[in-house]
Amino acid sequence: MPQKTFTAQWLERLPLPEARTEFFDQKVTGLGLRVNLTGLKSWFFMYRAKGDPRKRRLTLGRYPAITLADARDEPLPGVTWERYGACSPHTRG
């Protein structure tokens, strides 16, 4: 899956894909943007819960309602990463 360093300018100028496409941010591990054929953009976060080898997807919401800065912060306002059994992508451990 394509990896990009997300920027506000890149998000605004992203062309319509030929098929549903997912991009991953190079700055925050696990942060992704799904773009569908109509141009709808949705943020998600891929993670593994502690003790569980399966990857899980947490949908954060749609762009531009959720900004790039907000998507790079916590998964939901006022909710910590630990609630999902994951470490913050800003720390290692």
Protein backbone atom coordinates (compact mmCIF):
# COMPACT_ATOMS: atom_id res chain seq x y z
CA MET A 1 0.00 0.00 0.00
CA PRO A 2 1.33 3.42 -0.87
CA GLN A 3 3.07 5.40 1.85
CA LYS A 4 3.16 9.19 1.77
CA THR A 5 4.07 11.97 4.11
CA PHE A 6 0.61 13.49 4.45
CA THR A 7 0.35 17.24 4.02
CA ALA A 8 -2.70 19.50 3.81
CA GLN A 9 -1.80 20.42 0.22
CA TRP A 10 -1.46 16.75 -0.81
CA LEU A 11 -4.86 15.93 0.76
CA GLU A 12 -6.57 18.75 -1.14
CA ARG A 13 -5.02 17.85 -4.49
CA LEU A 14 -5.43 14.08 -4.28
CA PRO A 15 -6.95 12.91 -7.59
CA LEU A 16 -9.84 10.47 -7.84
CA PRO A 17 -8.51 6.90 -7.82
CA GLU A 18 -9.50 4.22 -10.33
CA ALA A 19 -10.22 1.86 -7.43
CA ARG A 20 -10.58 2.29 -3.66
CA THR A 21 -7.10 3.14 -2.43
CA GLU A 22 -5.52 3.28 1.01
CA PHE A 23 -2.53 5.45 1.80
CA PHE A 24 -0.42 5.25 4.95
CA ASP A 25 1.27 8.20 6.63
CA GLN A 26 5.04 7.98 6.95
CA LYS A 27 5.01 10.28 9.98
CA VAL A 28 2.56 8.34 12.20
CA THR A 29 2.75 4.55 12.04
CA GLY A 30 -0.67 3.00 11.43
CA LEU A 31 -2.45 6.18 10.32
CA GLY A 32 -4.17 5.74 6.97
CA LEU A 33 -6.44 7.49 4.54
CA ARG A 34 -8.94 5.55 2.43
CA VAL A 35 -10.11 7.23 -0.78
CA ASN A 36 -13.06 5.77 -2.66
CA LEU A 37 -14.12 6.19 -6.28
CA THR A 38 -16.29 9.23 -5.54
CA GLY A 39 -13.44 11.02 -3.78
CA LEU A 40 -14.73 10.44 -0.23
CA LYS A 41 -11.75 10.41 2.14
CA SER A 42 -11.84 8.61 5.48
CA TRP A 43 -9.18 8.38 8.18
CA PHE A 44 -8.40 5.08 9.87
CA PHE A 45 -5.81 3.68 12.22
CA MET A 46 -4.37 0.16 11.93
CA TYR A 47 -3.04 -1.36 15.14
CA ARG A 48 -2.46 -4.57 17.02
CA ALA A 49 -3.92 -4.95 20.49
CA LYS A 50 -1.51 -6.13 23.17
CA GLY A 51 -1.31 -9.92 23.09
CA ASP A 52 -3.31 -10.21 19.85
CA PRO A 53 -1.42 -10.85 16.59
CA ARG A 54 -4.33 -9.69 14.40
CA LYS A 55 -4.35 -6.22 12.87
CA ARG A 56 -7.40 -4.13 13.66
CA ARG A 57 -8.80 -1.07 11.92
CA LEU A 58 -10.25 1.85 13.83
CA THR A 59 -12.17 4.32 11.64
CA LEU A 60 -11.53 7.86 12.85
CA GLY A 61 -13.92 9.72 10.53
CA ARG A 62 -14.04 11.67 7.30
CA TYR A 63 -11.69 14.28 5.92
CA PRO A 64 -12.04 17.33 6.07
CA ALA A 65 -14.29 17.08 9.15
CA ILE A 66 -11.29 15.53 10.90
CA THR A 67 -8.16 17.43 9.98
CA LEU A 68 -4.73 15.96 9.41
CA ALA A 69 -3.55 17.35 12.76
CA ASP A 70 -6.52 15.78 14.56
CA ALA A 71 -6.01 12.43 12.82
CA ARG A 72 -2.36 12.42 13.89
CA ASP A 73 -3.35 13.02 17.52
CA GLU A 74 -5.53 10.59 19.49
CA PRO A 75 -7.98 8.18 17.78
CA LEU A 76 -10.98 9.92 19.35
CA PRO A 77 -11.16 13.14 21.37
CA GLY A 78 -10.61 12.42 25.06
CA VAL A 79 -9.87 8.74 24.50
CA THR A 80 -6.42 7.31 25.07
CA TRP A 81 -4.70 4.77 22.84
CA GLU A 82 -4.48 2.40 25.79
CA ARG A 83 -8.26 2.01 25.72
CA TYR A 84 -7.75 0.13 22.47
CA GLY A 85 -4.90 -1.93 23.90
CA ALA A 86 -2.37 -0.10 21.76
CA CYS A 87 0.57 2.13 22.45
CA SER A 88 0.48 5.66 21.10
CA PRO A 89 2.13 5.83 17.66
CA HIS A 90 4.17 8.74 19.03
CA THR A 91 5.99 6.46 21.47
CA ARG A 92 7.75 3.14 21.19
CA GLY A 93 6.89 0.28 23.48
